[in-house]
Amino acid sequence: MVESWSTEDANQAVVAIAVILKRFGALPQVLADAYQHEIEIGDVSVTRRFYEQLAVNCPTALDYFTERVVDERESEKDRVKGSLRKIPID
């Protein structure tokens, strides 16, 4: 079993994202990728908490984590039938 982030980790991620965006105006891709990985492997309730806190505390950051879902949905038509796919959280 892969250990994923906790609710506290998600809360701290939101604070870090808000500070980075305020200070630098953009989130480094490597950090966005790391959080995206946690979203993909994490518990649904923790991921939901992350999105809720992000929407309240730093709504502009949602673009870093929601655009990929749109891109993946568009690319599903090119995916080989029966292959694994990511399931977006709506």
PDB file of N, CA and C in Angstrom:
ATOM      1  N   MET A   1       0.844  -1.175   0.000  1.00  0.00           N
ATOM      2  CA  MET A   1       0.000   0.000   0.000  1.00  0.00           C
ATOM      3  C   MET A   1       0.892   1.242   0.000  1.00  0.00           C
ATOM      4  N   VAL A   2       0.543   2.183  -0.844  1.00  0.00           N
ATOM      5  CA  VAL A   2       1.293   3.427  -0.947  1.00  0.00           C
ATOM      6  C   VAL A   2       0.780   4.400   0.108  1.00  0.00           C
ATOM      7  N   GLU A   3       1.707   4.980   0.850  1.00  0.00           N
ATOM      8  CA  GLU A   3       1.322   5.963   1.858  1.00  0.00           C
ATOM      9  C   GLU A   3       1.081   7.294   1.173  1.00  0.00           C
ATOM     10  N   SER A   4      -0.078   7.872   1.421  1.00  0.00           N
ATOM     11  CA  SER A   4      -0.405   9.145   0.794  1.00  0.00           C
ATOM     12  C   SER A   4      -0.553  10.217   1.857  1.00  0.00           C
ATOM     13  N   TRP A   5      -0.844  11.389   1.422  1.00  0.00           N
ATOM     14  CA  TRP A   5      -0.898  12.527   2.338  1.00  0.00           C
ATOM     15  C   TRP A   5      -2.087  12.477   3.272  1.00  0.00           C
ATOM     16  N   SER A   6      -1.938  13.209   4.377  1.00  0.00           N
ATOM     17  CA  SER A   6      -2.982  13.297   5.383  1.00  0.00           C
ATOM     18  C   SER A   6      -3.735  14.613   5.210  1.00  0.00           C
ATOM     19  N   THR A   7      -4.790  14.788   5.997  1.00  0.00           N
ATOM     20  CA  THR A   7      -5.537  16.044   5.968  1.00  0.00           C
ATOM     21  C   THR A   7      -4.627  17.211   6.337  1.00  0.00           C
ATOM     22  N   GLU A   8      -3.771  17.007   7.315  1.00  0.00           N
ATOM     23  CA  GLU A   8      -2.831  18.071   7.711  1.00  0.00           C
ATOM     24  C   GLU A   8      -1.860  18.396   6.580  1.00  0.00           C
ATOM     25  N   ASP A   9      -1.394  17.378   5.872  1.00  0.00           N
ATOM     26  CA  ASP A   9      -0.514  17.607   4.726  1.00  0.00           C
ATOM     27  C   ASP A   9      -1.232  18.436   3.657  1.00  0.00           C
ATOM     28  N   ALA A  10      -2.489  18.117   3.412  1.00  0.00           N
ATOM     29  CA  ALA A  10      -3.273  18.855   2.422  1.00  0.00           C
ATOM     30  C   ALA A  10      -3.460  20.305   2.853  1.00  0.00           C
ATOM     31  N   ASN A  11      -3.738  20.515   4.132  1.00  0.00           N
ATOM     32  CA  ASN A  11      -3.888  21.884   4.643  1.00  0.00           C
ATOM     33  C   ASN A  11      -2.589  22.668   4.482  1.00  0.00           C
ATOM     34  N   GLN A  12      -1.474  22.044   4.795  1.00  0.00           N
ATOM     35  CA  GLN A  12      -0.177  22.705   4.654  1.00  0.00           C
ATOM     36  C   GLN A  12       0.149  22.978   3.193  1.00  0.00           C
ATOM     37  N   ALA A  13      -0.262  22.087   2.305  1.00  0.00           N
ATOM     38  CA  ALA A  13      -0.043  22.293   0.877  1.00  0.00           C
ATOM     39  C   ALA A  13      -0.775  23.541   0.392  1.00  0.00           C
ATOM     40  N   VAL A  14      -1.993  23.731   0.859  1.00  0.00           N
ATOM     41  CA  VAL A  14      -2.777  24.906   0.464  1.00  0.00           C
ATOM     42  C   VAL A  14      -2.086  26.183   0.938  1.00  0.00           C
ATOM     43  N   VAL A  15      -1.598  26.180   2.156  1.00  0.00           N
ATOM     44  CA  VAL A  15      -0.884  27.355   2.687  1.00  0.00           C
ATOM     45  C   VAL A  15       0.369  27.620   1.850  1.00  0.00           C
ATOM     46  N   ALA A  16       1.131  26.573   1.557  1.00  0.00           N
ATOM     47  CA  ALA A  16       2.351  26.724   0.761  1.00  0.00           C
ATOM     48  C   ALA A  16       2.037  27.255  -0.633  1.00  0.00           C
ATOM     49  N   ILE A  17       1.008  26.725  -1.259  1.00  0.00           N
ATOM     50  CA  ILE A  17       0.623  27.169  -2.593  1.00  0.00           C
ATOM     51  C   ILE A  17       0.227  28.641  -2.574  1.00  0.00           C
ATOM     52  N   ALA A  18      -0.563  29.036  -1.588  1.00  0.00           N
ATOM     53  CA  ALA A  18      -1.002  30.429  -1.480  1.00  0.00           C
ATOM     54  C   ALA A  18       0.197  31.367  -1.308  1.00  0.00           C
ATOM     55  N   VAL A  19       1.143  30.993  -0.456  1.00  0.00           N
ATOM     56  CA  VAL A  19       2.325  31.827  -0.219  1.00  0.00           C
ATOM     57  C   VAL A  19       3.179  31.931  -1.481  1.00  0.00           C
ATOM     58  N   ILE A  20       3.402  30.820  -2.146  1.00  0.00           N
ATOM     59  CA  ILE A  20       4.226  30.813  -3.355  1.00  0.00           C
ATOM     60  C   ILE A  20       3.582  31.664  -4.449  1.00  0.00           C
ATOM     61  N   LEU A  21       2.277  31.512  -4.640  1.00  0.00           N
ATOM     62  CA  LEU A  21       1.608  32.303  -5.675  1.00  0.00           C
ATOM     63  C   LEU A  21       1.620  33.792  -5.345  1.00  0.00           C
ATOM     64  N   LYS A  22       1.451  34.116  -4.084  1.00  0.00           N
ATOM     65  CA  LYS A  22       1.472  35.522  -3.678  1.00  0.00           C
ATOM     66  C   LYS A  22       2.867  36.116  -3.879  1.00  0.00           C
ATOM     67  N   ARG A  23       3.870  35.355  -3.532  1.00  0.00           N
ATOM     68  CA  ARG A  23       5.243  35.856  -3.581  1.00  0.00           C
ATOM     69  C   ARG A  23       5.829  35.848  -4.990  1.00  0.00           C
ATOM     70  N   PHE A  24       5.554  34.806  -5.768  1.00  0.00           N
ATOM     71  CA  PHE A  24       6.203  34.644  -7.067  1.00  0.00           C
ATOM     72  C   PHE A  24       5.258  34.729  -8.258  1.00  0.00           C
ATOM     73  N   GLY A  25       3.965  34.633  -8.012  1.00  0.00           N
ATOM     74  CA  GLY A  25       2.995  34.742  -9.098  1.00  0.00           C
ATOM     75  C   GLY A  25       2.775  33.484  -9.910  1.00  0.00           C
ATOM     76  N   ALA A  26       3.505  32.436  -9.603  1.00  0.00           N
ATOM     77  CA  ALA A  26       3.344  31.170 -10.333  1.00  0.00           C
ATOM     78  C   ALA A  26       3.815  30.025  -9.436  1.00  0.00           C
ATOM     79  N   LEU A  27       3.279  28.869  -9.715  1.00  0.00           N
ATOM     80  CA  LEU A  27       3.659  27.665  -8.972  1.00  0.00           C
ATOM     81  C   LEU A  27       4.656  26.886  -9.818  1.00  0.00           C
ATOM     82  N   PRO A  28       5.827  26.548  -9.282  1.00  0.00           N
ATOM     83  CA  PRO A  28       6.796  25.762 -10.053  1.00  0.00           C
ATOM     84  C   PRO A  28       6.168  24.441 -10.517  1.00  0.00           C
ATOM     85  N   GLN A  29       6.448  24.074 -11.736  1.00  0.00           N
ATOM     86  CA  GLN A  29       5.847  22.870 -12.313  1.00  0.00           C
ATOM     87  C   GLN A  29       6.171  21.629 -11.497  1.00  0.00           C
ATOM     88  N   VAL A  30       7.377  21.539 -10.981  1.00  0.00           N
ATOM     89  CA  VAL A  30       7.764  20.360 -10.197  1.00  0.00           C
ATOM     90  C   VAL A  30       6.901  20.241  -8.938  1.00  0.00           C
ATOM     91  N   LEU A  31       6.546  21.370  -8.334  1.00  0.00           N
ATOM     92  CA  LEU A  31       5.694  21.337  -7.148  1.00  0.00           C
ATOM     93  C   LEU A  31       4.258  20.982  -7.530  1.00  0.00           C
ATOM     94  N   ALA A  32       3.771  21.568  -8.617  1.00  0.00           N
ATOM     95  CA  ALA A  32       2.426  21.227  -9.094  1.00  0.00           C
ATOM     96  C   ALA A  32       2.337  19.736  -9.416  1.00  0.00           C
ATOM     97  N   ASP A  33       3.386  19.199 -10.020  1.00  0.00           N
ATOM     98  CA  ASP A  33       3.410  17.765 -10.341  1.00  0.00           C
ATOM     99  C   ASP A  33       3.396  16.906  -9.078  1.00  0.00           C
ATOM    100  N   ALA A  34       4.118  17.341  -8.052  1.00  0.00           N
ATOM    101  CA  ALA A  34       4.158  16.590  -6.796  1.00  0.00           C
ATOM    102  C   ALA A  34       2.780  16.569  -6.127  1.00  0.00           C
ATOM    103  N   TYR A  35       2.123  17.720  -6.092  1.00  0.00           N
ATOM    104  CA  TYR A  35       0.775  17.759  -5.513  1.00  0.00           C
ATOM    105  C   TYR A  35      -0.209  16.975  -6.374  1.00  0.00           C
ATOM    106  N   GLN A  36      -0.057  17.035  -7.689  1.00  0.00           N
ATOM    107  CA  GLN A  36      -0.935  16.275  -8.582  1.00  0.00           C
ATOM    108  C   GLN A  36      -0.788  14.777  -8.303  1.00  0.00           C
ATOM    109  N   HIS A  37       0.429  14.344  -8.048  1.00  0.00           N
ATOM    110  CA  HIS A  37       0.661  12.931  -7.722  1.00  0.00           C
ATOM    111  C   HIS A  37      -0.077  12.549  -6.442  1.00  0.00           C
ATOM    112  N   GLU A  38      -0.006  13.412  -5.434  1.00  0.00           N
ATOM    113  CA  GLU A  38      -0.720  13.140  -4.188  1.00  0.00           C
ATOM    114  C   GLU A  38      -2.230  13.081  -4.413  1.00  0.00           C
ATOM    115  N   ILE A  39      -2.730  13.951  -5.275  1.00  0.00           N
ATOM    116  CA  ILE A  39      -4.156  13.941  -5.604  1.00  0.00           C
ATOM    117  C   ILE A  39      -4.539  12.606  -6.229  1.00  0.00           C
ATOM    118  N   GLU A  40      -3.690  12.111  -7.103  1.00  0.00           N
ATOM    119  CA  GLU A  40      -3.980  10.866  -7.821  1.00  0.00           C
ATOM    120  C   GLU A  40      -3.955   9.643  -6.912  1.00  0.00           C
ATOM    121  N   ILE A  41      -3.039   9.624  -5.945  1.00  0.00           N
ATOM    122  CA  ILE A  41      -2.923   8.431  -5.098  1.00  0.00           C
ATOM    123  C   ILE A  41      -3.606   8.584  -3.751  1.00  0.00           C
ATOM    124  N   GLY A  42      -3.999   9.806  -3.412  1.00  0.00           N
ATOM    125  CA  GLY A  42      -4.520  10.083  -2.081  1.00  0.00           C
ATOM    126  C   GLY A  42      -5.937   9.613  -1.843  1.00  0.00           C
ATOM    127  N   ASP A  43      -6.281   9.582  -0.592  1.00  0.00           N
ATOM    128  CA  ASP A  43      -7.637   9.263  -0.170  1.00  0.00           C
ATOM    129  C   ASP A  43      -8.594  10.329  -0.700  1.00  0.00           C
ATOM    130  N   VAL A  44      -9.754   9.915  -1.139  1.00  0.00           N
ATOM    131  CA  VAL A  44     -10.725  10.823  -1.739  1.00  0.00           C
ATOM    132  C   VAL A  44     -11.124  11.939  -0.774  1.00  0.00           C
ATOM    133  N   SER A  45     -11.289  11.631   0.489  1.00  0.00           N
ATOM    134  CA  SER A  45     -11.702  12.657   1.452  1.00  0.00           C
ATOM    135  C   SER A  45     -10.609  13.708   1.654  1.00  0.00           C
ATOM    136  N   VAL A  46      -9.353  13.291   1.626  1.00  0.00           N
ATOM    137  CA  VAL A  46      -8.252  14.241   1.768  1.00  0.00           C
ATOM    138  C   VAL A  46      -8.146  15.107   0.511  1.00  0.00           C
ATOM    139  N   THR A  47      -8.294  14.490  -0.637  1.00  0.00           N
ATOM    140  CA  THR A  47      -8.260  15.247  -1.891  1.00  0.00           C
ATOM    141  C   THR A  47      -9.403  16.250  -1.940  1.00  0.00           C
ATOM    142  N   ARG A  48     -10.578  15.844  -1.510  1.00  0.00           N
ATOM    143  CA  ARG A  48     -11.721  16.755  -1.465  1.00  0.00           C
ATOM    144  C   ARG A  48     -11.416  17.935  -0.552  1.00  0.00           C
ATOM    145  N   ARG A  49     -10.835  17.647   0.599  1.00  0.00           N
ATOM    146  CA  ARG A  49     -10.453  18.700   1.550  1.00  0.00           C
ATOM    147  C   ARG A  49      -9.452  19.670   0.911  1.00  0.00           C
ATOM    148  N   PHE A  50      -8.486  19.137   0.187  1.00  0.00           N
ATOM    149  CA  PHE A  50      -7.490  19.953  -0.502  1.00  0.00           C
ATOM    150  C   PHE A  50      -8.169  20.922  -1.463  1.00  0.00           C
ATOM    151  N   TYR A  51      -9.066  20.401  -2.300  1.00  0.00           N
ATOM    152  CA  TYR A  51      -9.769  21.252  -3.266  1.00  0.00           C
ATOM    153  C   TYR A  51     -10.661  22.285  -2.564  1.00  0.00           C
ATOM    154  N   GLU A  52     -11.339  21.884  -1.512  1.00  0.00           N
ATOM    155  CA  GLU A  52     -12.202  22.822  -0.780  1.00  0.00           C
ATOM    156  C   GLU A  52     -11.381  23.958  -0.180  1.00  0.00           C
ATOM    157  N   GLN A  53     -10.274  23.606   0.462  1.00  0.00           N
ATOM    158  CA  GLN A  53      -9.426  24.629   1.075  1.00  0.00           C
ATOM    159  C   GLN A  53      -8.765  25.515   0.017  1.00  0.00           C
ATOM    160  N   LEU A  54      -8.390  24.932  -1.096  1.00  0.00           N
ATOM    161  CA  LEU A  54      -7.797  25.707  -2.175  1.00  0.00           C
ATOM    162  C   LEU A  54      -8.811  26.698  -2.744  1.00  0.00           C
ATOM    163  N   ALA A  55     -10.046  26.251  -2.908  1.00  0.00           N
ATOM    164  CA  ALA A  55     -11.098  27.125  -3.434  1.00  0.00           C
ATOM    165  C   ALA A  55     -11.363  28.305  -2.503  1.00  0.00           C
ATOM    166  N   VAL A  56     -11.276  28.084  -1.205  1.00  0.00           N
ATOM    167  CA  VAL A  56     -11.532  29.139  -0.231  1.00  0.00           C
ATOM    168  C   VAL A  56     -10.325  30.066  -0.096  1.00  0.00           C
ATOM    169  N   ASN A  57      -9.136  29.500   0.019  1.00  0.00           N
ATOM    170  CA  ASN A  57      -7.945  30.268   0.353  1.00  0.00           C
ATOM    171  C   ASN A  57      -7.124  30.764  -0.830  1.00  0.00           C
ATOM    172  N   CYS A  58      -7.230  30.101  -1.960  1.00  0.00           N
ATOM    173  CA  CYS A  58      -6.415  30.471  -3.117  1.00  0.00           C
ATOM    174  C   CYS A  58      -7.068  29.952  -4.402  1.00  0.00           C
ATOM    175  N   PRO A  59      -8.233  30.494  -4.754  1.00  0.00           N
ATOM    176  CA  PRO A  59      -8.976  29.950  -5.892  1.00  0.00           C
ATOM    177  C   PRO A  59      -8.234  30.017  -7.229  1.00  0.00           C
ATOM    178  N   THR A  60      -7.326  30.966  -7.382  1.00  0.00           N
ATOM    179  CA  THR A  60      -6.586  31.040  -8.647  1.00  0.00           C
ATOM    180  C   THR A  60      -5.688  29.820  -8.853  1.00  0.00           C
ATOM    181  N   ALA A  61      -5.333  29.148  -7.785  1.00  0.00           N
ATOM    182  CA  ALA A  61      -4.476  27.967  -7.886  1.00  0.00           C
ATOM    183  C   ALA A  61      -5.215  26.755  -8.429  1.00  0.00           C
ATOM    184  N   LEU A  62      -6.523  26.798  -8.427  1.00  0.00           N
ATOM    185  CA  LEU A  62      -7.288  25.655  -8.934  1.00  0.00           C
ATOM    186  C   LEU A  62      -6.938  25.341 -10.388  1.00  0.00           C
ATOM    187  N   ASP A  63      -6.572  26.359 -11.146  1.00  0.00           N
ATOM    188  CA  ASP A  63      -6.205  26.140 -12.553  1.00  0.00           C
ATOM    189  C   ASP A  63      -5.036  25.172 -12.701  1.00  0.00           C
ATOM    190  N   TYR A  64      -4.136  25.162 -11.732  1.00  0.00           N
ATOM    191  CA  TYR A  64      -2.990  24.265 -11.807  1.00  0.00           C
ATOM    192  C   TYR A  64      -3.400  22.801 -11.684  1.00  0.00           C
ATOM    193  N   PHE A  65      -4.552  22.556 -11.075  1.00  0.00           N
ATOM    194  CA  PHE A  65      -4.957  21.183 -10.795  1.00  0.00           C
ATOM    195  C   PHE A  65      -6.205  20.748 -11.542  1.00  0.00           C
ATOM    196  N   THR A  66      -6.878  21.659 -12.229  1.00  0.00           N
ATOM    197  CA  THR A  66      -8.084  21.290 -12.951  1.00  0.00           C
ATOM    198  C   THR A  66      -7.898  21.277 -14.458  1.00  0.00           C
ATOM    199  N   GLU A  67      -6.931  21.997 -14.987  1.00  0.00           N
ATOM    200  CA  GLU A  67      -6.706  21.997 -16.429  1.00  0.00           C
ATOM    201  C   GLU A  67      -6.286  20.626 -16.924  1.00  0.00           C
ATOM    202  N   ARG A  68      -5.524  19.916 -16.121  1.00  0.00           N
ATOM    203  CA  ARG A  68      -5.072  18.583 -16.521  1.00  0.00           C
ATOM    204  C   ARG A  68      -6.240  17.633 -16.740  1.00  0.00           C
ATOM    205  N   VAL A  69      -7.277  17.774 -15.938  1.00  0.00           N
ATOM    206  CA  VAL A  69      -8.453  16.909 -16.082  1.00  0.00           C
ATOM    207  C   VAL A  69      -9.078  17.135 -17.443  1.00  0.00           C
ATOM    208  N   VAL A  70      -9.205  18.388 -17.857  1.00  0.00           N
ATOM    209  CA  VAL A  70      -9.770  18.710 -19.168  1.00  0.00           C
ATOM    210  C   VAL A  70      -8.879  18.137 -20.255  1.00  0.00           C
ATOM    211  N   ASP A  71      -7.560  18.323 -20.139  1.00  0.00           N
ATOM    212  CA  ASP A  71      -6.627  17.798 -21.135  1.00  0.00           C
ATOM    213  C   ASP A  71      -6.729  16.285 -21.238  1.00  0.00           C
ATOM    214  N   GLU A  72      -6.848  15.605 -20.103  1.00  0.00           N
ATOM    215  CA  GLU A  72      -6.920  14.151 -20.112  1.00  0.00           C
ATOM    216  C   GLU A  72      -8.231  13.666 -20.720  1.00  0.00           C
ATOM    217  N   ARG A  73      -9.321  14.379 -20.458  1.00  0.00           N
ATOM    218  CA  ARG A  73     -10.601  13.985 -21.051  1.00  0.00           C
ATOM    219  C   ARG A  73     -10.550  14.106 -22.563  1.00  0.00           C
ATOM    220  N   GLU A  74      -9.909  15.151 -23.054  1.00  0.00           N
ATOM    221  CA  GLU A  74      -9.793  15.336 -24.496  1.00  0.00           C
ATOM    222  C   GLU A  74      -8.910  14.275 -25.121  1.00  0.00           C
ATOM    223  N   SER A  75      -7.906  13.799 -24.391  1.00  0.00           N
ATOM    224  CA  SER A  75      -6.997  12.806 -24.949  1.00  0.00           C
ATOM    225  C   SER A  75      -7.518  11.378 -24.797  1.00  0.00           C
ATOM    226  N   GLU A  76      -8.623  11.189 -24.089  1.00  0.00           N
ATOM    227  CA  GLU A  76      -9.163   9.839 -23.901  1.00  0.00           C
ATOM    228  C   GLU A  76      -9.567   9.195 -25.215  1.00  0.00           C
ATOM    229  N   LYS A  77      -9.955   9.991 -26.193  1.00  0.00           N
ATOM    230  CA  LYS A  77     -10.350   9.418 -27.477  1.00  0.00           C
ATOM    231  C   LYS A  77      -9.170   8.757 -28.186  1.00  0.00           C
ATOM    232  N   ASP A  78      -7.931   9.174 -27.810  1.00  0.00           N
ATOM    233  CA  ASP A  78      -6.729   8.592 -28.396  1.00  0.00           C
ATOM    234  C   ASP A  78      -6.202   7.415 -27.587  1.00  0.00           C
ATOM    235  N   ARG A  79      -6.780   7.169 -26.424  1.00  0.00           N
ATOM    236  CA  ARG A  79      -6.316   6.119 -25.525  1.00  0.00           C
ATOM    237  C   ARG A  79      -6.727   4.733 -26.058  1.00  0.00           C
ATOM    238  N   VAL A  80      -5.857   3.789 -25.879  1.00  0.00           N
ATOM    239  CA  VAL A  80      -6.143   2.416 -26.287  1.00  0.00           C
ATOM    240  C   VAL A  80      -7.243   1.861 -25.404  1.00  0.00           C
ATOM    241  N   LYS A  81      -8.229   1.228 -26.018  1.00  0.00           N
ATOM    242  CA  LYS A  81      -9.342   0.683 -25.248  1.00  0.00           C
ATOM    243  C   LYS A  81      -8.838  -0.347 -24.248  1.00  0.00           C
ATOM    244  N   GLY A  82      -9.305  -0.217 -23.007  1.00  0.00           N
ATOM    245  CA  GLY A  82      -8.923  -1.134 -21.958  1.00  0.00           C
ATOM    246  C   GLY A  82      -7.694  -0.702 -21.157  1.00  0.00           C
ATOM    247  N   SER A  83      -7.051   0.380 -21.584  1.00  0.00           N
ATOM    248  CA  SER A  83      -5.872   0.830 -20.827  1.00  0.00           C
ATOM    249  C   SER A  83      -6.313   1.586 -19.576  1.00  0.00           C
ATOM    250  N   LEU A  84      -5.404   1.710 -18.634  1.00  0.00           N
ATOM    251  CA  LEU A  84      -5.707   2.421 -17.398  1.00  0.00           C
ATOM    252  C   LEU A  84      -5.862   3.897 -17.688  1.00  0.00           C
ATOM    253  N   ARG A  85      -6.764   4.540 -16.957  1.00  0.00           N
ATOM    254  CA  ARG A  85      -6.940   5.982 -17.104  1.00  0.00           C
ATOM    255  C   ARG A  85      -7.157   6.586 -15.731  1.00  0.00           C
ATOM    256  N   LYS A  86      -6.848   7.877 -15.602  1.00  0.00           N
ATOM    257  CA  LYS A  86      -7.061   8.576 -14.354  1.00  0.00           C
ATOM    258  C   LYS A  86      -8.523   8.939 -14.252  1.00  0.00           C
ATOM    259  N   ILE A  87      -9.064   8.875 -13.075  1.00  0.00           N
ATOM    260  CA  ILE A  87     -10.453   9.221 -12.851  1.00  0.00           C
ATOM    261  C   ILE A  87     -10.497  10.578 -12.175  1.00  0.00           C
ATOM    262  N   PRO A  88     -11.039  11.605 -12.852  1.00  0.00           N
ATOM    263  CA  PRO A  88     -11.084  12.933 -12.266  1.00  0.00           C
ATOM    264  C   PRO A  88     -12.105  13.018 -11.136  1.00  0.00           C
ATOM    265  N   ILE A  89     -11.844  13.898 -10.193  1.00  0.00           N
ATOM    266  CA  ILE A  89     -12.776  14.131  -9.100  1.00  0.00           C
ATOM    267  C   ILE A  89     -13.568  15.364  -9.447  1.00  0.00           C
ATOM    268  N   ASP A  90     -14.870  15.197  -9.588  1.00  0.00           N
ATOM    269  CA  ASP A  90     -15.725  16.323  -9.960  1.00  0.00           C
ATOM    270  C   ASP A  90     -16.282  16.992  -8.749  1.00  0.00           C
TER     271      ASP A  90
END
